[in-house]
Amino acid sequence: MNDEHAHPAEAPNVETPPVVRPLSTFGFLLYILHGAGVALGLCLLWGLEAVRNNFFRLLDRMNIKARVRKASAFPPGQPRKRPLTEASR
C-alpha cells in the first residue's frame, strides 16, 4: 500500500499544537468561585473533624464508654415469617 493514499487517521503520530482559547470574564469568575467553594468545603470538613476529635477526647477524659450495649442490626425476638418467593424455592 502506498503511503500517499493512507488515511489521515492512520498516519504516524504527529502532535498538533494545542489550541489556546482566551478565557472570558464570566469563565474567569466561574473558576474563582469554584476554587472558593472547594476551599470552603475543605474548611468545613476540617472544622467538623476538629469538633468530632474534641468530643471523643472529652469522652475519653470522662471515661465514658462509646456504647453501653452491643449494637445489632437485627431487633430482638423471633424473626417474622415471610412466605417464600418463587426464586427462593
PDB file of N, CA and C in Angstrom:
ATOM      1  N   MET A   1       0.845  -1.169   0.000  1.00  0.00           N
ATOM      2  CA  MET A   1       0.000   0.000   0.000  1.00  0.00           C
ATOM      3  C   MET A   1       0.891   1.234   0.000  1.00  0.00           C
ATOM      4  N   ASN A   2       0.511   2.212  -0.788  1.00  0.00           N
ATOM      5  CA  ASN A   2       1.307   3.438  -0.878  1.00  0.00           C
ATOM      6  C   ASN A   2       1.050   4.340   0.321  1.00  0.00           C
ATOM      7  N   ASP A   3       2.114   5.025   0.749  1.00  0.00           N
ATOM      8  CA  ASP A   3       1.969   5.944   1.870  1.00  0.00           C
ATOM      9  C   ASP A   3       1.186   7.195   1.479  1.00  0.00           C
ATOM     10  N   GLU A   4       1.131   7.534   0.185  1.00  0.00           N
ATOM     11  CA  GLU A   4       0.406   8.736  -0.226  1.00  0.00           C
ATOM     12  C   GLU A   4      -1.103   8.561  -0.049  1.00  0.00           C
ATOM     13  N   HIS A   5      -1.580   7.342  -0.153  1.00  0.00           N
ATOM     14  CA  HIS A   5      -3.011   7.076  -0.105  1.00  0.00           C
ATOM     15  C   HIS A   5      -3.481   6.632   1.278  1.00  0.00           C
ATOM     16  N   ALA A   6      -2.631   6.737   2.280  1.00  0.00           N
ATOM     17  CA  ALA A   6      -3.020   6.312   3.624  1.00  0.00           C
ATOM     18  C   ALA A   6      -4.049   7.288   4.195  1.00  0.00           C
ATOM     19  N   HIS A   7      -4.930   6.742   4.985  1.00  0.00           N
ATOM     20  CA  HIS A   7      -5.959   7.558   5.633  1.00  0.00           C
ATOM     21  C   HIS A   7      -5.297   8.460   6.674  1.00  0.00           C
ATOM     22  N   PRO A   8      -5.775   9.711   6.835  1.00  0.00           N
ATOM     23  CA  PRO A   8      -5.114  10.605   7.803  1.00  0.00           C
ATOM     24  C   PRO A   8      -5.128  10.074   9.240  1.00  0.00           C
ATOM     25  N   ALA A   9      -6.160   9.300   9.604  1.00  0.00           N
ATOM     26  CA  ALA A   9      -6.218   8.759  10.960  1.00  0.00           C
ATOM     27  C   ALA A   9      -5.166   7.687  11.172  1.00  0.00           C
ATOM     28  N   GLU A  10      -4.701   7.078  10.074  1.00  0.00           N
ATOM     29  CA  GLU A  10      -3.701   6.026  10.171  1.00  0.00           C
ATOM     30  C   GLU A  10      -2.291   6.568  10.020  1.00  0.00           C
ATOM     31  N   ALA A  11      -2.156   7.857   9.906  1.00  0.00           N
ATOM     32  CA  ALA A  11      -0.834   8.464   9.758  1.00  0.00           C
ATOM     33  C   ALA A  11      -0.057   8.286  11.055  1.00  0.00           C
ATOM     34  N   PRO A  12       1.264   8.345  10.967  1.00  0.00           N
ATOM     35  CA  PRO A  12       2.062   8.218  12.184  1.00  0.00           C
ATOM     36  C   PRO A  12       1.714   9.352  13.157  1.00  0.00           C
ATOM     37  N   ASN A  13       2.009   9.092  14.424  1.00  0.00           N
ATOM     38  CA  ASN A  13       1.655  10.061  15.463  1.00  0.00           C
ATOM     39  C   ASN A  13       2.388  11.379  15.238  1.00  0.00           C
ATOM     40  N   VAL A  14       1.639  12.379  14.820  1.00  0.00           N
ATOM     41  CA  VAL A  14       2.176  13.713  14.642  1.00  0.00           C
ATOM     42  C   VAL A  14       1.407  14.607  15.596  1.00  0.00           C
ATOM     43  N   GLU A  15       2.102  15.195  16.540  1.00  0.00           N
ATOM     44  CA  GLU A  15       1.425  16.014  17.528  1.00  0.00           C
ATOM     45  C   GLU A  15       1.029  17.342  16.911  1.00  0.00           C
ATOM     46  N   THR A  16      -0.221  17.714  17.165  1.00  0.00           N
ATOM     47  CA  THR A  16      -0.691  19.011  16.703  1.00  0.00           C
ATOM     48  C   THR A  16      -0.497  20.007  17.837  1.00  0.00           C
ATOM     49  N   PRO A  17      -0.209  21.238  17.508  1.00  0.00           N
ATOM     50  CA  PRO A  17      -0.013  22.214  18.586  1.00  0.00           C
ATOM     51  C   PRO A  17      -1.327  22.462  19.319  1.00  0.00           C
ATOM     52  N   PRO A  18      -1.287  22.676  20.621  1.00  0.00           N
ATOM     53  CA  PRO A  18      -2.520  22.905  21.369  1.00  0.00           C
ATOM     54  C   PRO A  18      -3.156  24.235  20.972  1.00  0.00           C
ATOM     55  N   VAL A  19      -4.481  24.250  20.991  1.00  0.00           N
ATOM     56  CA  VAL A  19      -5.214  25.457  20.653  1.00  0.00           C
ATOM     57  C   VAL A  19      -5.546  26.185  21.951  1.00  0.00           C
ATOM     58  N   VAL A  20      -5.106  27.410  22.064  1.00  0.00           N
ATOM     59  CA  VAL A  20      -5.337  28.204  23.266  1.00  0.00           C
ATOM     60  C   VAL A  20      -6.479  29.165  22.981  1.00  0.00           C
ATOM     61  N   ARG A  21      -7.554  29.029  23.774  1.00  0.00           N
ATOM     62  CA  ARG A  21      -8.691  29.940  23.620  1.00  0.00           C
ATOM     63  C   ARG A  21      -8.680  30.927  24.769  1.00  0.00           C
ATOM     64  N   PRO A  22      -8.942  32.186  24.500  1.00  0.00           N
ATOM     65  CA  PRO A  22      -8.964  33.156  25.602  1.00  0.00           C
ATOM     66  C   PRO A  22     -10.132  32.884  26.540  1.00  0.00           C
ATOM     67  N   LEU A  23      -9.913  33.136  27.812  1.00  0.00           N
ATOM     68  CA  LEU A  23     -10.919  32.894  28.828  1.00  0.00           C
ATOM     69  C   LEU A  23     -11.771  34.145  28.979  1.00  0.00           C
ATOM     70  N   SER A  24     -13.082  33.970  28.956  1.00  0.00           N
ATOM     71  CA  SER A  24     -13.968  35.117  29.117  1.00  0.00           C
ATOM     72  C   SER A  24     -13.997  35.552  30.580  1.00  0.00           C
ATOM     73  N   THR A  25     -14.534  36.738  30.809  1.00  0.00           N
ATOM     74  CA  THR A  25     -14.633  37.249  32.177  1.00  0.00           C
ATOM     75  C   THR A  25     -15.530  36.356  33.015  1.00  0.00           C
ATOM     76  N   PHE A  26     -16.650  35.908  32.431  1.00  0.00           N
ATOM     77  CA  PHE A  26     -17.563  35.019  33.143  1.00  0.00           C
ATOM     78  C   PHE A  26     -16.880  33.693  33.484  1.00  0.00           C
ATOM     79  N   GLY A  27     -16.127  33.137  32.554  1.00  0.00           N
ATOM     80  CA  GLY A  27     -15.397  31.896  32.812  1.00  0.00           C
ATOM     81  C   GLY A  27     -14.353  32.063  33.902  1.00  0.00           C
ATOM     82  N   PHE A  28     -13.669  33.226  33.890  1.00  0.00           N
ATOM     83  CA  PHE A  28     -12.677  33.506  34.921  1.00  0.00           C
ATOM     84  C   PHE A  28     -13.334  33.571  36.298  1.00  0.00           C
ATOM     85  N   LEU A  29     -14.463  34.290  36.388  1.00  0.00           N
ATOM     86  CA  LEU A  29     -15.174  34.394  37.665  1.00  0.00           C
ATOM     87  C   LEU A  29     -15.703  33.042  38.119  1.00  0.00           C
ATOM     88  N   LEU A  30     -16.095  32.213  37.150  1.00  0.00           N
ATOM     89  CA  LEU A  30     -16.581  30.871  37.492  1.00  0.00           C
ATOM     90  C   LEU A  30     -15.463  30.033  38.101  1.00  0.00           C
ATOM     91  N   TYR A  31     -14.259  30.126  37.549  1.00  0.00           N
ATOM     92  CA  TYR A  31     -13.112  29.405  38.112  1.00  0.00           C
ATOM     93  C   TYR A  31     -12.793  29.906  39.522  1.00  0.00           C
ATOM     94  N   ILE A  32     -12.883  31.215  39.735  1.00  0.00           N
ATOM     95  CA  ILE A  32     -12.611  31.781  41.056  1.00  0.00           C
ATOM     96  C   ILE A  32     -13.647  31.272  42.065  1.00  0.00           C
ATOM     97  N   LEU A  33     -14.938  31.307  41.676  1.00  0.00           N
ATOM     98  CA  LEU A  33     -15.991  30.827  42.578  1.00  0.00           C
ATOM     99  C   LEU A  33     -15.849  29.338  42.871  1.00  0.00           C
ATOM    100  N   HIS A  34     -15.462  28.562  41.865  1.00  0.00           N
ATOM    101  CA  HIS A  34     -15.261  27.126  42.069  1.00  0.00           C
ATOM    102  C   HIS A  34     -14.144  26.887  43.084  1.00  0.00           C
ATOM    103  N   GLY A  35     -13.034  27.591  42.936  1.00  0.00           N
ATOM    104  CA  GLY A  35     -11.924  27.436  43.871  1.00  0.00           C
ATOM    105  C   GLY A  35     -12.306  27.845  45.280  1.00  0.00           C
ATOM    106  N   ALA A  36     -13.074  28.944  45.404  1.00  0.00           N
ATOM    107  CA  ALA A  36     -13.512  29.387  46.724  1.00  0.00           C
ATOM    108  C   ALA A  36     -14.459  28.361  47.345  1.00  0.00           C
ATOM    109  N   GLY A  37     -15.336  27.769  46.545  1.00  0.00           N
ATOM    110  CA  GLY A  37     -16.255  26.747  47.047  1.00  0.00           C
ATOM    111  C   GLY A  37     -15.523  25.513  47.535  1.00  0.00           C
ATOM    112  N   VAL A  38     -14.529  25.088  46.788  1.00  0.00           N
ATOM    113  CA  VAL A  38     -13.741  23.923  47.204  1.00  0.00           C
ATOM    114  C   VAL A  38     -13.005  24.230  48.509  1.00  0.00           C
ATOM    115  N   ALA A  39     -12.421  25.427  48.605  1.00  0.00           N
ATOM    116  CA  ALA A  39     -11.695  25.793  49.824  1.00  0.00           C
ATOM    117  C   ALA A  39     -12.644  25.848  51.022  1.00  0.00           C
ATOM    118  N   LEU A  40     -13.832  26.430  50.837  1.00  0.00           N
ATOM    119  CA  LEU A  40     -14.793  26.496  51.941  1.00  0.00           C
ATOM    120  C   LEU A  40     -15.276  25.109  52.344  1.00  0.00           C
ATOM    121  N   GLY A  41     -15.482  24.226  51.385  1.00  0.00           N
ATOM    122  CA  GLY A  41     -15.890  22.859  51.698  1.00  0.00           C
ATOM    123  C   GLY A  41     -14.832  22.120  52.495  1.00  0.00           C
ATOM    124  N   LEU A  42     -13.572  22.294  52.113  1.00  0.00           N
ATOM    125  CA  LEU A  42     -12.488  21.646  52.863  1.00  0.00           C
ATOM    126  C   LEU A  42     -12.364  22.226  54.268  1.00  0.00           C
ATOM    127  N   CYS A  43     -12.585  23.551  54.397  1.00  0.00           N
ATOM    128  CA  CYS A  43     -12.559  24.166  55.733  1.00  0.00           C
ATOM    129  C   CYS A  43     -13.689  23.612  56.598  1.00  0.00           C
ATOM    130  N   LEU A  44     -14.861  23.420  56.003  1.00  0.00           N
ATOM    131  CA  LEU A  44     -15.983  22.869  56.759  1.00  0.00           C
ATOM    132  C   LEU A  44     -15.675  21.450  57.236  1.00  0.00           C
ATOM    133  N   LEU A  45     -15.130  20.620  56.352  1.00  0.00           N
ATOM    134  CA  LEU A  45     -14.771  19.254  56.751  1.00  0.00           C
ATOM    135  C   LEU A  45     -13.715  19.259  57.851  1.00  0.00           C
ATOM    136  N   TRP A  46     -12.733  20.150  57.741  1.00  0.00           N
ATOM    137  CA  TRP A  46     -11.692  20.232  58.753  1.00  0.00           C
ATOM    138  C   TRP A  46     -12.294  20.652  60.090  1.00  0.00           C
ATOM    139  N   GLY A  47     -13.212  21.606  60.077  1.00  0.00           N
ATOM    140  CA  GLY A  47     -13.856  22.050  61.309  1.00  0.00           C
ATOM    141  C   GLY A  47     -14.681  20.947  61.950  1.00  0.00           C
ATOM    142  N   LEU A  48     -15.435  20.210  61.135  1.00  0.00           N
ATOM    143  CA  LEU A  48     -16.226  19.104  61.675  1.00  0.00           C
ATOM    144  C   LEU A  48     -15.335  18.016  62.265  1.00  0.00           C
ATOM    145  N   GLU A  49     -14.215  17.776  61.632  1.00  0.00           N
ATOM    146  CA  GLU A  49     -13.274  16.780  62.162  1.00  0.00           C
ATOM    147  C   GLU A  49     -12.688  17.246  63.486  1.00  0.00           C
ATOM    148  N   ALA A  50     -12.413  18.538  63.618  1.00  0.00           N
ATOM    149  CA  ALA A  50     -11.881  19.063  64.877  1.00  0.00           C
ATOM    150  C   ALA A  50     -12.913  18.936  65.996  1.00  0.00           C
ATOM    151  N   VAL A  51     -14.177  19.223  65.704  1.00  0.00           N
ATOM    152  CA  VAL A  51     -15.234  19.090  66.709  1.00  0.00           C
ATOM    153  C   VAL A  51     -15.384  17.627  67.124  1.00  0.00           C
ATOM    154  N   ARG A  52     -15.383  16.728  66.149  1.00  0.00           N
ATOM    155  CA  ARG A  52     -15.503  15.294  66.449  1.00  0.00           C
ATOM    156  C   ARG A  52     -14.331  14.827  67.306  1.00  0.00           C
ATOM    157  N   ASN A  53     -13.140  15.270  66.970  1.00  0.00           N
ATOM    158  CA  ASN A  53     -11.955  14.875  67.724  1.00  0.00           C
ATOM    159  C   ASN A  53     -12.041  15.365  69.166  1.00  0.00           C
ATOM    160  N   ASN A  54     -12.452  16.619  69.358  1.00  0.00           N
ATOM    161  CA  ASN A  54     -12.582  17.158  70.715  1.00  0.00           C
ATOM    162  C   ASN A  54     -13.667  16.437  71.507  1.00  0.00           C
ATOM    163  N   PHE A  55     -14.758  16.071  70.844  1.00  0.00           N
ATOM    164  CA  PHE A  55     -15.841  15.357  71.526  1.00  0.00           C
ATOM    165  C   PHE A  55     -15.360  13.997  72.033  1.00  0.00           C
ATOM    166  N   PHE A  56     -14.663  13.245  71.207  1.00  0.00           N
ATOM    167  CA  PHE A  56     -14.194  11.931  71.645  1.00  0.00           C
ATOM    168  C   PHE A  56     -13.094  12.043  72.687  1.00  0.00           C
ATOM    169  N   ARG A  57     -12.277  13.088  72.624  1.00  0.00           N
ATOM    170  CA  ARG A  57     -11.282  13.288  73.678  1.00  0.00           C
ATOM    171  C   ARG A  57     -11.958  13.590  75.010  1.00  0.00           C
ATOM    172  N   LEU A  58     -13.068  14.368  74.956  1.00  0.00           N
ATOM    173  CA  LEU A  58     -13.826  14.657  76.166  1.00  0.00           C
ATOM    174  C   LEU A  58     -14.411  13.370  76.750  1.00  0.00           C
ATOM    175  N   LEU A  59     -14.956  12.504  75.886  1.00  0.00           N
ATOM    176  CA  LEU A  59     -15.483  11.222  76.361  1.00  0.00           C
ATOM    177  C   LEU A  59     -14.381  10.379  76.995  1.00  0.00           C
ATOM    178  N   ASP A  60     -13.193  10.399  76.403  1.00  0.00           N
ATOM    179  CA  ASP A  60     -12.081   9.645  76.974  1.00  0.00           C
ATOM    180  C   ASP A  60     -11.694  10.191  78.348  1.00  0.00           C
ATOM    181  N   ARG A  61     -11.662  11.519  78.507  1.00  0.00           N
ATOM    182  CA  ARG A  61     -11.301  12.105  79.794  1.00  0.00           C
ATOM    183  C   ARG A  61     -12.335  11.791  80.862  1.00  0.00           C
ATOM    184  N   MET A  62     -13.620  11.729  80.450  1.00  0.00           N
ATOM    185  CA  MET A  62     -14.681  11.426  81.400  1.00  0.00           C
ATOM    186  C   MET A  62     -14.819   9.923  81.626  1.00  0.00           C
ATOM    187  N   ASN A  63     -14.019   9.129  80.898  1.00  0.00           N
ATOM    188  CA  ASN A  63     -14.016   7.678  80.998  1.00  0.00           C
ATOM    189  C   ASN A  63     -15.399   7.088  80.707  1.00  0.00           C
ATOM    190  N   ILE A  64     -16.043   7.603  79.665  1.00  0.00           N
ATOM    191  CA  ILE A  64     -17.353   7.108  79.241  1.00  0.00           C
ATOM    192  C   ILE A  64     -17.147   6.182  78.054  1.00  0.00           C
ATOM    193  N   LYS A  65     -17.739   5.036  78.133  1.00  0.00           N
ATOM    194  CA  LYS A  65     -17.620   4.092  77.029  1.00  0.00           C
ATOM    195  C   LYS A  65     -18.480   4.570  75.862  1.00  0.00           C
ATOM    196  N   ALA A  66     -18.055   4.251  74.664  1.00  0.00           N
ATOM    197  CA  ALA A  66     -18.756   4.724  73.479  1.00  0.00           C
ATOM    198  C   ALA A  66     -20.136   4.086  73.367  1.00  0.00           C
ATOM    199  N   ARG A  67     -20.246   2.797  73.677  1.00  0.00           N
ATOM    200  CA  ARG A  67     -21.533   2.098  73.619  1.00  0.00           C
ATOM    201  C   ARG A  67     -21.744   1.331  74.920  1.00  0.00           C
ATOM    202  N   VAL A  68     -22.970   1.409  75.447  1.00  0.00           N
ATOM    203  CA  VAL A  68     -23.282   0.697  76.675  1.00  0.00           C
ATOM    204  C   VAL A  68     -23.582  -0.758  76.371  1.00  0.00           C
ATOM    205  N   ARG A  69     -24.314  -1.008  75.293  1.00  0.00           N
ATOM    206  CA  ARG A  69     -24.624  -2.391  74.930  1.00  0.00           C
ATOM    207  C   ARG A  69     -24.224  -2.620  73.479  1.00  0.00           C
ATOM    208  N   LYS A  70     -24.122  -3.866  73.140  1.00  0.00           N
ATOM    209  CA  LYS A  70     -23.693  -4.233  71.801  1.00  0.00           C
ATOM    210  C   LYS A  70     -24.763  -3.823  70.788  1.00  0.00           C
ATOM    211  N   ALA A  71     -24.353  -3.175  69.740  1.00  0.00           N
ATOM    212  CA  ALA A  71     -25.290  -2.776  68.700  1.00  0.00           C
ATOM    213  C   ALA A  71     -25.565  -3.952  67.779  1.00  0.00           C
ATOM    214  N   SER A  72     -26.805  -4.041  67.302  1.00  0.00           N
ATOM    215  CA  SER A  72     -27.178  -5.130  66.423  1.00  0.00           C
ATOM    216  C   SER A  72     -28.049  -4.593  65.301  1.00  0.00           C
ATOM    217  N   ALA A  73     -27.883  -5.167  64.137  1.00  0.00           N
ATOM    218  CA  ALA A  73     -28.712  -4.780  63.000  1.00  0.00           C
ATOM    219  C   ALA A  73     -30.062  -5.469  63.049  1.00  0.00           C
ATOM    220  N   PHE A  74     -30.192  -6.483  63.899  1.00  0.00           N
ATOM    221  CA  PHE A  74     -31.431  -7.248  63.967  1.00  0.00           C
ATOM    222  C   PHE A  74     -32.139  -6.969  65.289  1.00  0.00           C
ATOM    223  N   PRO A  75     -33.432  -6.689  65.266  1.00  0.00           N
ATOM    224  CA  PRO A  75     -34.153  -6.440  66.523  1.00  0.00           C
ATOM    225  C   PRO A  75     -34.308  -7.727  67.323  1.00  0.00           C
ATOM    226  N   PRO A  76     -34.505  -7.606  68.643  1.00  0.00           N
ATOM    227  CA  PRO A  76     -34.652  -8.817  69.456  1.00  0.00           C
ATOM    228  C   PRO A  76     -35.982  -9.509  69.165  1.00  0.00           C
ATOM    229  N   GLY A  77     -36.040 -10.772  69.483  1.00  0.00           N
ATOM    230  CA  GLY A  77     -37.268 -11.527  69.280  1.00  0.00           C
ATOM    231  C   GLY A  77     -37.176 -12.457  68.086  1.00  0.00           C
ATOM    232  N   GLN A  78     -38.275 -13.125  67.832  1.00  0.00           N
ATOM    233  CA  GLN A  78     -38.320 -14.071  66.719  1.00  0.00           C
ATOM    234  C   GLN A  78     -38.404 -13.323  65.389  1.00  0.00           C
ATOM    235  N   PRO A  79     -37.736 -13.831  64.366  1.00  0.00           N
ATOM    236  CA  PRO A  79     -37.860 -13.191  63.052  1.00  0.00           C
ATOM    237  C   PRO A  79     -39.263 -13.401  62.489  1.00  0.00           C
ATOM    238  N   ARG A  80     -39.709 -12.459  61.676  1.00  0.00           N
ATOM    239  CA  ARG A  80     -41.045 -12.564  61.089  1.00  0.00           C
ATOM    240  C   ARG A  80     -41.085 -13.691  60.073  1.00  0.00           C
ATOM    241  N   LYS A  81     -42.209 -14.351  59.996  1.00  0.00           N
ATOM    242  CA  LYS A  81     -42.390 -15.405  59.000  1.00  0.00           C
ATOM    243  C   LYS A  81     -42.781 -14.753  57.681  1.00  0.00           C
ATOM    244  N   ARG A  82     -42.018 -15.026  56.658  1.00  0.00           N
ATOM    245  CA  ARG A  82     -42.302 -14.451  55.344  1.00  0.00           C
ATOM    246  C   ARG A  82     -42.535 -15.595  54.373  1.00  0.00           C
ATOM    247  N   PRO A  83     -43.513 -15.462  53.497  1.00  0.00           N
ATOM    248  CA  PRO A  83     -43.734 -16.522  52.511  1.00  0.00           C
ATOM    249  C   PRO A  83     -42.579 -16.593  51.525  1.00  0.00           C
ATOM    250  N   LEU A  84     -42.278 -17.798  51.085  1.00  0.00           N
ATOM    251  CA  LEU A  84     -41.204 -17.980  50.123  1.00  0.00           C
ATOM    252  C   LEU A  84     -41.630 -17.477  48.761  1.00  0.00           C
ATOM    253  N   THR A  85     -40.702 -16.837  48.084  1.00  0.00           N
ATOM    254  CA  THR A  85     -40.966 -16.405  46.720  1.00  0.00           C
ATOM    255  C   THR A  85     -40.571 -17.517  45.770  1.00  0.00           C
ATOM    256  N   GLU A  86     -40.941 -17.360  44.521  1.00  0.00           N
ATOM    257  CA  GLU A  86     -40.627 -18.392  43.531  1.00  0.00           C
ATOM    258  C   GLU A  86     -39.127 -18.550  43.358  1.00  0.00           C
ATOM    259  N   ALA A  87     -38.376 -17.453  43.474  1.00  0.00           N
ATOM    260  CA  ALA A  87     -36.941 -17.504  43.258  1.00  0.00           C
ATOM    261  C   ALA A  87     -36.213 -18.250  44.369  1.00  0.00           C
ATOM    262  N   SER A  88     -36.759 -18.241  45.593  1.00  0.00           N
ATOM    263  CA  SER A  88     -36.073 -18.888  46.716  1.00  0.00           C
ATOM    264  C   SER A  88     -36.531 -20.311  46.959  1.00  0.00           C
ATOM    265  N   ARG A  89     -37.395 -20.855  46.127  1.00  0.00           N
ATOM    266  CA  ARG A  89     -37.834 -22.251  46.289  1.00  0.00           C
ATOM    267  C   ARG A  89     -36.920 -23.197  45.604  1.00  0.00           C
TER     268      ARG A  89
END
